[in-house]
Amino acid sequence: MTPHAGVDETAISEMLGATEKLWGALLPYFLWVSNSPKKNALTLKESVGLVEAASESHEFLLVGYEDGGIISVSNTKLPFQGEAQAAEWWKP
């Protein structure tokens, strides 16, 4: 998967496949979901900061987690996040 390339929903399964090899590590794999393309390659830490500070509430990150799950990062609670609560412990 090429960083910052336009991808479809198959990118989620590709990202999860890559995360299975990294049990116990802070994972570098994430997807930035947005209506507009991002121009610069960013680290996870930079991306989290930008998404949390963004004026657009439709942008969010999907971050692979070591147990095979996904953490979603946004600046507001989005409909798919259900009963989600704020969490700072996982950040890089």
PDB file of N, CA and C in Angstrom:
ATOM      1  N   MET A   1       0.851  -1.167   0.000  1.00  0.00           N
ATOM      2  CA  MET A   1       0.000   0.000   0.000  1.00  0.00           C
ATOM      3  C   MET A   1       0.898   1.231   0.000  1.00  0.00           C
ATOM      4  N   THR A   2       0.685   2.149  -0.922  1.00  0.00           N
ATOM      5  CA  THR A   2       1.480   3.359  -1.052  1.00  0.00           C
ATOM      6  C   THR A   2       0.954   4.428  -0.096  1.00  0.00           C
ATOM      7  N   PRO A   3       1.820   5.066   0.697  1.00  0.00           N
ATOM      8  CA  PRO A   3       1.351   6.130   1.598  1.00  0.00           C
ATOM      9  C   PRO A   3       0.651   7.239   0.826  1.00  0.00           C
ATOM     10  N   HIS A   4      -0.463   7.697   1.319  1.00  0.00           N
ATOM     11  CA  HIS A   4      -1.213   8.828   0.802  1.00  0.00           C
ATOM     12  C   HIS A   4      -1.776   8.617  -0.591  1.00  0.00           C
ATOM     13  N   ALA A   5      -1.888   7.391  -1.012  1.00  0.00           N
ATOM     14  CA  ALA A   5      -2.534   7.105  -2.286  1.00  0.00           C
ATOM     15  C   ALA A   5      -4.025   6.938  -2.032  1.00  0.00           C
ATOM     16  N   GLY A   6      -4.838   7.252  -3.010  1.00  0.00           N
ATOM     17  CA  GLY A   6      -6.256   7.017  -2.874  1.00  0.00           C
ATOM     18  C   GLY A   6      -6.507   5.517  -2.793  1.00  0.00           C
ATOM     19  N   VAL A   7      -7.283   5.078  -1.814  1.00  0.00           N
ATOM     20  CA  VAL A   7      -7.558   3.654  -1.633  1.00  0.00           C
ATOM     21  C   VAL A   7      -9.044   3.443  -1.424  1.00  0.00           C
ATOM     22  N   ASP A   8      -9.470   2.196  -1.570  1.00  0.00           N
ATOM     23  CA  ASP A   8     -10.866   1.872  -1.295  1.00  0.00           C
ATOM     24  C   ASP A   8     -10.941   1.048  -0.013  1.00  0.00           C
ATOM     25  N   GLU A   9     -12.102   0.457   0.239  1.00  0.00           N
ATOM     26  CA  GLU A   9     -12.311  -0.258   1.506  1.00  0.00           C
ATOM     27  C   GLU A   9     -11.409  -1.481   1.679  1.00  0.00           C
ATOM     28  N   THR A  10     -10.806  -1.991   0.619  1.00  0.00           N
ATOM     29  CA  THR A  10      -9.895  -3.129   0.765  1.00  0.00           C
ATOM     30  C   THR A  10      -8.638  -2.746   1.544  1.00  0.00           C
ATOM     31  N   ALA A  11      -8.350  -1.461   1.648  1.00  0.00           N
ATOM     32  CA  ALA A  11      -7.178  -1.010   2.402  1.00  0.00           C
ATOM     33  C   ALA A  11      -7.300  -1.367   3.881  1.00  0.00           C
ATOM     34  N   ILE A  12      -8.514  -1.477   4.392  1.00  0.00           N
ATOM     35  CA  ILE A  12      -8.697  -1.820   5.802  1.00  0.00           C
ATOM     36  C   ILE A  12      -8.169  -3.229   6.064  1.00  0.00           C
ATOM     37  N   SER A  13      -8.548  -4.196   5.239  1.00  0.00           N
ATOM     38  CA  SER A  13      -8.066  -5.563   5.464  1.00  0.00           C
ATOM     39  C   SER A  13      -6.558  -5.652   5.246  1.00  0.00           C
ATOM     40  N   GLU A  14      -6.012  -4.899   4.306  1.00  0.00           N
ATOM     41  CA  GLU A  14      -4.563  -4.884   4.100  1.00  0.00           C
ATOM     42  C   GLU A  14      -3.853  -4.340   5.333  1.00  0.00           C
ATOM     43  N   MET A  15      -4.388  -3.257   5.910  1.00  0.00           N
ATOM     44  CA  MET A  15      -3.787  -2.665   7.100  1.00  0.00           C
ATOM     45  C   MET A  15      -3.843  -3.653   8.258  1.00  0.00           C
ATOM     46  N   LEU A  16      -4.980  -4.331   8.437  1.00  0.00           N
ATOM     47  CA  LEU A  16      -5.099  -5.284   9.531  1.00  0.00           C
ATOM     48  C   LEU A  16      -4.150  -6.466   9.343  1.00  0.00           C
ATOM     49  N   GLY A  17      -3.972  -6.914   8.112  1.00  0.00           N
ATOM     50  CA  GLY A  17      -3.023  -7.990   7.844  1.00  0.00           C
ATOM     51  C   GLY A  17      -1.613  -7.599   8.234  1.00  0.00           C
ATOM     52  N   ALA A  18      -1.232  -6.376   7.931  1.00  0.00           N
ATOM     53  CA  ALA A  18       0.105  -5.898   8.282  1.00  0.00           C
ATOM     54  C   ALA A  18       0.283  -5.773   9.792  1.00  0.00           C
ATOM     55  N   THR A  19      -0.775  -5.419  10.522  1.00  0.00           N
ATOM     56  CA  THR A  19      -0.654  -5.227  11.970  1.00  0.00           C
ATOM     57  C   THR A  19      -0.478  -6.533  12.720  1.00  0.00           C
ATOM     58  N   GLU A  20      -0.926  -7.642  12.165  1.00  0.00           N
ATOM     59  CA  GLU A  20      -0.802  -8.927  12.850  1.00  0.00           C
ATOM     60  C   GLU A  20       0.649  -9.318  13.078  1.00  0.00           C
ATOM     61  N   LYS A  21       1.561  -8.738  12.356  1.00  0.00           N
ATOM     62  CA  LYS A  21       2.977  -9.051  12.487  1.00  0.00           C
ATOM     63  C   LYS A  21       3.654  -8.239  13.596  1.00  0.00           C
ATOM     64  N   LEU A  22       2.916  -7.365  14.264  1.00  0.00           N
ATOM     65  CA  LEU A  22       3.535  -6.415  15.190  1.00  0.00           C
ATOM     66  C   LEU A  22       2.951  -6.488  16.600  1.00  0.00           C
ATOM     67  N   TRP A  23       2.579  -7.661  17.063  1.00  0.00           N
ATOM     68  CA  TRP A  23       2.002  -7.792  18.406  1.00  0.00           C
ATOM     69  C   TRP A  23       2.910  -7.143  19.443  1.00  0.00           C
ATOM     70  N   GLY A  24       2.319  -6.338  20.313  1.00  0.00           N
ATOM     71  CA  GLY A  24       3.058  -5.711  21.402  1.00  0.00           C
ATOM     72  C   GLY A  24       3.735  -4.410  21.041  1.00  0.00           C
ATOM     73  N   ALA A  25       3.542  -3.915  19.845  1.00  0.00           N
ATOM     74  CA  ALA A  25       4.209  -2.688  19.412  1.00  0.00           C
ATOM     75  C   ALA A  25       3.176  -1.600  19.114  1.00  0.00           C
ATOM     76  N   LEU A  26       3.582  -0.359  19.226  1.00  0.00           N
ATOM     77  CA  LEU A  26       2.755   0.744  18.744  1.00  0.00           C
ATOM     78  C   LEU A  26       2.825   0.700  17.234  1.00  0.00           C
ATOM     79  N   LEU A  27       1.716   0.525  16.601  1.00  0.00           N
ATOM     80  CA  LEU A  27       1.703   0.228  15.178  1.00  0.00           C
ATOM     81  C   LEU A  27       1.818   1.473  14.313  1.00  0.00           C
ATOM     82  N   PRO A  28       2.641   1.413  13.275  1.00  0.00           N
ATOM     83  CA  PRO A  28       2.806   2.555  12.385  1.00  0.00           C
ATOM     84  C   PRO A  28       1.748   2.605  11.282  1.00  0.00           C
ATOM     85  N   TYR A  29       0.891   1.604  11.211  1.00  0.00           N
ATOM     86  CA  TYR A  29      -0.075   1.526  10.120  1.00  0.00           C
ATOM     87  C   TYR A  29      -1.369   2.220  10.482  1.00  0.00           C
ATOM     88  N   PHE A  30      -1.798   3.122   9.608  1.00  0.00           N
ATOM     89  CA  PHE A  30      -3.066   3.801   9.844  1.00  0.00           C
ATOM     90  C   PHE A  30      -3.614   4.303   8.517  1.00  0.00           C
ATOM     91  N   LEU A  31      -4.911   4.559   8.524  1.00  0.00           N
ATOM     92  CA  LEU A  31      -5.579   5.159   7.369  1.00  0.00           C
ATOM     93  C   LEU A  31      -6.142   6.504   7.784  1.00  0.00           C
ATOM     94  N   TRP A  32      -5.955   7.509   6.950  1.00  0.00           N
ATOM     95  CA  TRP A  32      -6.545   8.825   7.169  1.00  0.00           C
ATOM     96  C   TRP A  32      -7.760   8.891   6.258  1.00  0.00           C
ATOM     97  N   VAL A  33      -8.932   8.956   6.852  1.00  0.00           N
ATOM     98  CA  VAL A  33     -10.182   8.980   6.089  1.00  0.00           C
ATOM     99  C   VAL A  33     -10.624  10.435   5.969  1.00  0.00           C
ATOM    100  N   SER A  34     -10.742  10.904   4.718  1.00  0.00           N
ATOM    101  CA  SER A  34     -11.017  12.313   4.477  1.00  0.00           C
ATOM    102  C   SER A  34     -11.636  12.488   3.098  1.00  0.00           C
ATOM    103  N   ASN A  35     -12.330  13.588   2.916  1.00  0.00           N
ATOM    104  CA  ASN A  35     -12.866  13.945   1.605  1.00  0.00           C
ATOM    105  C   ASN A  35     -11.814  14.617   0.729  1.00  0.00           C
ATOM    106  N   SER A  36     -10.707  15.039   1.331  1.00  0.00           N
ATOM    107  CA  SER A  36      -9.666  15.727   0.562  1.00  0.00           C
ATOM    108  C   SER A  36      -8.336  15.007   0.753  1.00  0.00           C
ATOM    109  N   PRO A  37      -7.518  14.925  -0.295  1.00  0.00           N
ATOM    110  CA  PRO A  37      -6.237  14.219  -0.193  1.00  0.00           C
ATOM    111  C   PRO A  37      -5.237  14.968   0.676  1.00  0.00           C
ATOM    112  N   LYS A  38      -4.358  14.219   1.306  1.00  0.00           N
ATOM    113  CA  LYS A  38      -3.286  14.796   2.101  1.00  0.00           C
ATOM    114  C   LYS A  38      -2.036  14.841   1.233  1.00  0.00           C
ATOM    115  N   LYS A  39      -1.306  15.943   1.280  1.00  0.00           N
ATOM    116  CA  LYS A  39      -0.180  16.149   0.375  1.00  0.00           C
ATOM    117  C   LYS A  39       1.151  15.642   0.915  1.00  0.00           C
ATOM    118  N   ASN A  40       1.314  15.627   2.220  1.00  0.00           N
ATOM    119  CA  ASN A  40       2.611  15.284   2.793  1.00  0.00           C
ATOM    120  C   ASN A  40       2.533  13.974   3.567  1.00  0.00           C
ATOM    121  N   ALA A  41       3.610  13.203   3.518  1.00  0.00           N
ATOM    122  CA  ALA A  41       3.703  11.999   4.335  1.00  0.00           C
ATOM    123  C   ALA A  41       3.844  12.425   5.788  1.00  0.00           C
ATOM    124  N   LEU A  42       2.987  11.892   6.645  1.00  0.00           N
ATOM    125  CA  LEU A  42       2.986  12.276   8.053  1.00  0.00           C
ATOM    126  C   LEU A  42       3.155  11.047   8.928  1.00  0.00           C
ATOM    127  N   THR A  43       3.722  11.254  10.098  1.00  0.00           N
ATOM    128  CA  THR A  43       3.802  10.186  11.081  1.00  0.00           C
ATOM    129  C   THR A  43       2.437  10.038  11.752  1.00  0.00           C
ATOM    130  N   LEU A  44       2.268   8.953  12.483  1.00  0.00           N
ATOM    131  CA  LEU A  44       1.029   8.758  13.241  1.00  0.00           C
ATOM    132  C   LEU A  44       0.834   9.898  14.238  1.00  0.00           C
ATOM    133  N   LYS A  45       1.888  10.266  14.946  1.00  0.00           N
ATOM    134  CA  LYS A  45       1.795  11.341  15.941  1.00  0.00           C
ATOM    135  C   LYS A  45       1.341  12.651  15.297  1.00  0.00           C
ATOM    136  N   GLU A  46       1.930  13.013  14.157  1.00  0.00           N
ATOM    137  CA  GLU A  46       1.536  14.243  13.457  1.00  0.00           C
ATOM    138  C   GLU A  46       0.084  14.158  12.982  1.00  0.00           C
ATOM    139  N   SER A  47      -0.301  13.010  12.471  1.00  0.00           N
ATOM    140  CA  SER A  47      -1.657  12.828  11.957  1.00  0.00           C
ATOM    141  C   SER A  47      -2.696  12.937  13.063  1.00  0.00           C
ATOM    142  N   VAL A  48      -2.426  12.330  14.221  1.00  0.00           N
ATOM    143  CA  VAL A  48      -3.348  12.422  15.358  1.00  0.00           C
ATOM    144  C   VAL A  48      -3.532  13.882  15.744  1.00  0.00           C
ATOM    145  N   GLY A  49      -2.442  14.633  15.848  1.00  0.00           N
ATOM    146  CA  GLY A  49      -2.532  16.044  16.211  1.00  0.00           C
ATOM    147  C   GLY A  49      -3.361  16.846  15.226  1.00  0.00           C
ATOM    148  N   LEU A  50      -3.159  16.605  13.940  1.00  0.00           N
ATOM    149  CA  LEU A  50      -3.901  17.341  12.917  1.00  0.00           C
ATOM    150  C   LEU A  50      -5.382  16.977  12.908  1.00  0.00           C
ATOM    151  N   VAL A  51      -5.691  15.697  13.043  1.00  0.00           N
ATOM    152  CA  VAL A  51      -7.098  15.277  13.040  1.00  0.00           C
ATOM    153  C   VAL A  51      -7.822  15.820  14.270  1.00  0.00           C
ATOM    154  N   GLU A  52      -7.183  15.759  15.429  1.00  0.00           N
ATOM    155  CA  GLU A  52      -7.832  16.253  16.641  1.00  0.00           C
ATOM    156  C   GLU A  52      -8.029  17.765  16.610  1.00  0.00           C
ATOM    157  N   ALA A  53      -7.177  18.489  15.887  1.00  0.00           N
ATOM    158  CA  ALA A  53      -7.277  19.944  15.809  1.00  0.00           C
ATOM    159  C   ALA A  53      -8.049  20.415  14.576  1.00  0.00           C
ATOM    160  N   ALA A  54      -8.452  19.496  13.716  1.00  0.00           N
ATOM    161  CA  ALA A  54      -9.085  19.860  12.445  1.00  0.00           C
ATOM    162  C   ALA A  54     -10.411  20.575  12.642  1.00  0.00           C
ATOM    163  N   SER A  55     -10.696  21.492  11.734  1.00  0.00           N
ATOM    164  CA  SER A  55     -11.999  22.171  11.776  1.00  0.00           C
ATOM    165  C   SER A  55     -13.078  21.312  11.128  1.00  0.00           C
ATOM    166  N   GLU A  56     -12.671  20.342  10.327  1.00  0.00           N
ATOM    167  CA  GLU A  56     -13.613  19.441   9.663  1.00  0.00           C
ATOM    168  C   GLU A  56     -13.850  18.230  10.553  1.00  0.00           C
ATOM    169  N   SER A  57     -15.102  17.944  10.891  1.00  0.00           N
ATOM    170  CA  SER A  57     -15.379  16.803  11.759  1.00  0.00           C
ATOM    171  C   SER A  57     -15.529  15.506  10.989  1.00  0.00           C
ATOM    172  N   HIS A  58     -15.478  15.546   9.654  1.00  0.00           N
ATOM    173  CA  HIS A  58     -15.629  14.320   8.880  1.00  0.00           C
ATOM    174  C   HIS A  58     -14.307  13.577   8.684  1.00  0.00           C
ATOM    175  N   GLU A  59     -13.188  14.172   9.047  1.00  0.00           N
ATOM    176  CA  GLU A  59     -11.900  13.502   8.919  1.00  0.00           C
ATOM    177  C   GLU A  59     -11.635  12.666  10.171  1.00  0.00           C
ATOM    178  N   PHE A  60     -11.091  11.465   9.968  1.00  0.00           N
ATOM    179  CA  PHE A  60     -10.717  10.646  11.110  1.00  0.00           C
ATOM    180  C   PHE A  60      -9.630   9.664  10.696  1.00  0.00           C
ATOM    181  N   LEU A  61      -8.995   9.069  11.703  1.00  0.00           N
ATOM    182  CA  LEU A  61      -7.964   8.067  11.469  1.00  0.00           C
ATOM    183  C   LEU A  61      -8.479   6.709  11.917  1.00  0.00           C
ATOM    184  N   LEU A  62      -8.060   5.667  11.220  1.00  0.00           N
ATOM    185  CA  LEU A  62      -8.249   4.286  11.662  1.00  0.00           C
ATOM    186  C   LEU A  62      -6.855   3.737  11.886  1.00  0.00           C
ATOM    187  N   VAL A  63      -6.559   3.381  13.132  1.00  0.00           N
ATOM    188  CA  VAL A  63      -5.213   2.973  13.522  1.00  0.00           C
ATOM    189  C   VAL A  63      -5.239   1.505  13.923  1.00  0.00           C
ATOM    190  N   GLY A  64      -4.353   0.702  13.322  1.00  0.00           N
ATOM    191  CA  GLY A  64      -4.254  -0.698  13.700  1.00  0.00           C
ATOM    192  C   GLY A  64      -3.758  -0.833  15.124  1.00  0.00           C
ATOM    193  N   TYR A  65      -4.391  -1.725  15.876  1.00  0.00           N
ATOM    194  CA  TYR A  65      -3.996  -1.966  17.262  1.00  0.00           C
ATOM    195  C   TYR A  65      -3.404  -3.358  17.372  1.00  0.00           C
ATOM    196  N   GLU A  66      -2.531  -3.575  18.334  1.00  0.00           N
ATOM    197  CA  GLU A  66      -1.779  -4.816  18.441  1.00  0.00           C
ATOM    198  C   GLU A  66      -2.618  -6.067  18.622  1.00  0.00           C
ATOM    199  N   ASP A  67      -3.851  -5.954  19.079  1.00  0.00           N
ATOM    200  CA  ASP A  67      -4.682  -7.153  19.255  1.00  0.00           C
ATOM    201  C   ASP A  67      -5.467  -7.500  17.994  1.00  0.00           C
ATOM    202  N   GLY A  68      -5.187  -6.776  16.906  1.00  0.00           N
ATOM    203  CA  GLY A  68      -5.888  -7.022  15.659  1.00  0.00           C
ATOM    204  C   GLY A  68      -7.092  -6.123  15.467  1.00  0.00           C
ATOM    205  N   GLY A  69      -7.374  -5.275  16.432  1.00  0.00           N
ATOM    206  CA  GLY A  69      -8.504  -4.355  16.335  1.00  0.00           C
ATOM    207  C   GLY A  69      -8.112  -3.034  15.709  1.00  0.00           C
ATOM    208  N   ILE A  70      -9.040  -2.097  15.769  1.00  0.00           N
ATOM    209  CA  ILE A  70      -8.826  -0.769  15.197  1.00  0.00           C
ATOM    210  C   ILE A  70      -9.205   0.282  16.234  1.00  0.00           C
ATOM    211  N   ILE A  71      -8.389   1.313  16.329  1.00  0.00           N
ATOM    212  CA  ILE A  71      -8.703   2.492  17.130  1.00  0.00           C
ATOM    213  C   ILE A  71      -9.079   3.588  16.154  1.00  0.00           C
ATOM    214  N   SER A  72     -10.186   4.274  16.407  1.00  0.00           N
ATOM    215  CA  SER A  72     -10.566   5.408  15.560  1.00  0.00           C
ATOM    216  C   SER A  72     -10.235   6.692  16.308  1.00  0.00           C
ATOM    217  N   VAL A  73      -9.710   7.667  15.577  1.00  0.00           N
ATOM    218  CA  VAL A  73      -9.310   8.956  16.147  1.00  0.00           C
ATOM    219  C   VAL A  73     -10.044  10.050  15.393  1.00  0.00           C
ATOM    220  N   SER A  74     -10.746  10.908  16.126  1.00  0.00           N
ATOM    221  CA  SER A  74     -11.484  12.008  15.505  1.00  0.00           C
ATOM    222  C   SER A  74     -11.530  13.178  16.475  1.00  0.00           C
ATOM    223  N   ASN A  75     -12.015  14.312  15.985  1.00  0.00           N
ATOM    224  CA  ASN A  75     -12.121  15.471  16.871  1.00  0.00           C
ATOM    225  C   ASN A  75     -13.517  15.599  17.482  1.00  0.00           C
ATOM    226  N   THR A  76     -14.455  14.780  17.054  1.00  0.00           N
ATOM    227  CA  THR A  76     -15.788  14.689  17.649  1.00  0.00           C
ATOM    228  C   THR A  76     -16.213  13.221  17.611  1.00  0.00           C
ATOM    229  N   LYS A  77     -17.180  12.852  18.426  1.00  0.00           N
ATOM    230  CA  LYS A  77     -17.675  11.479  18.389  1.00  0.00           C
ATOM    231  C   LYS A  77     -18.499  11.298  17.124  1.00  0.00           C
ATOM    232  N   LEU A  78     -18.109  10.336  16.319  1.00  0.00           N
ATOM    233  CA  LEU A  78     -18.783  10.063  15.053  1.00  0.00           C
ATOM    234  C   LEU A  78     -19.809   8.944  15.245  1.00  0.00           C
ATOM    235  N   PRO A  79     -20.823   8.879  14.386  1.00  0.00           N
ATOM    236  CA  PRO A  79     -21.893   7.893  14.563  1.00  0.00           C
ATOM    237  C   PRO A  79     -21.407   6.450  14.715  1.00  0.00           C
ATOM    238  N   PHE A  80     -20.361   6.047  14.008  1.00  0.00           N
ATOM    239  CA  PHE A  80     -19.900   4.663  14.090  1.00  0.00           C
ATOM    240  C   PHE A  80     -19.121   4.364  15.376  1.00  0.00           C
ATOM    241  N   GLN A  81     -18.799   5.385  16.172  1.00  0.00           N
ATOM    242  CA  GLN A  81     -18.013   5.181  17.380  1.00  0.00           C
ATOM    243  C   GLN A  81     -18.861   4.771  18.581  1.00  0.00           C
ATOM    244  N   GLY A  82     -20.167   4.726  18.430  1.00  0.00           N
ATOM    245  CA  GLY A  82     -21.053   4.214  19.480  1.00  0.00           C
ATOM    246  C   GLY A  82     -20.795   4.790  20.853  1.00  0.00           C
ATOM    247  N   GLU A  83     -20.446   3.914  21.787  1.00  0.00           N
ATOM    248  CA  GLU A  83     -20.220   4.302  23.189  1.00  0.00           C
ATOM    249  C   GLU A  83     -18.762   4.662  23.469  1.00  0.00           C
ATOM    250  N   ALA A  84     -18.030   5.046  22.444  1.00  0.00           N
ATOM    251  CA  ALA A  84     -16.605   5.345  22.603  1.00  0.00           C
ATOM    252  C   ALA A  84     -16.366   6.436  23.639  1.00  0.00           C
ATOM    253  N   GLN A  85     -15.248   6.312  24.322  1.00  0.00           N
ATOM    254  CA  GLN A  85     -14.821   7.315  25.293  1.00  0.00           C
ATOM    255  C   GLN A  85     -13.422   7.789  24.915  1.00  0.00           C
ATOM    256  N   ALA A  86     -13.080   8.972  25.359  1.00  0.00           N
ATOM    257  CA  ALA A  86     -11.750   9.510  25.074  1.00  0.00           C
ATOM    258  C   ALA A  86     -10.682   8.604  25.675  1.00  0.00           C
ATOM    259  N   ALA A  87      -9.583   8.416  24.963  1.00  0.00           N
ATOM    260  CA  ALA A  87      -8.474   7.583  25.433  1.00  0.00           C
ATOM    261  C   ALA A  87      -7.164   8.221  25.021  1.00  0.00           C
ATOM    262  N   GLU A  88      -6.282   8.423  25.968  1.00  0.00           N
ATOM    263  CA  GLU A  88      -4.973   9.020  25.690  1.00  0.00           C
ATOM    264  C   GLU A  88      -3.855   7.990  25.796  1.00  0.00           C
ATOM    265  N   TRP A  89      -4.091   6.843  26.395  1.00  0.00           N
ATOM    266  CA  TRP A  89      -3.048   5.889  26.734  1.00  0.00           C
ATOM    267  C   TRP A  89      -2.338   5.289  25.529  1.00  0.00           C
ATOM    268  N   TRP A  90      -2.974   5.231  24.399  1.00  0.00           N
ATOM    269  CA  TRP A  90      -2.408   4.526  23.254  1.00  0.00           C
ATOM    270  C   TRP A  90      -1.542   5.417  22.368  1.00  0.00           C
ATOM    271  N   LYS A  91      -1.591   6.736  22.596  1.00  0.00           N
ATOM    272  CA  LYS A  91      -0.922   7.677  21.688  1.00  0.00           C
ATOM    273  C   LYS A  91       0.587   7.496  21.670  1.00  0.00           C
ATOM    274  N   PRO A  92       1.191   7.778  20.519  1.00  0.00           N
ATOM    275  CA  PRO A  92       2.659   7.665  20.397  1.00  0.00           C
ATOM    276  C   PRO A  92       3.363   8.730  21.220  1.00  0.00           C
TER     277      PRO A  92
END
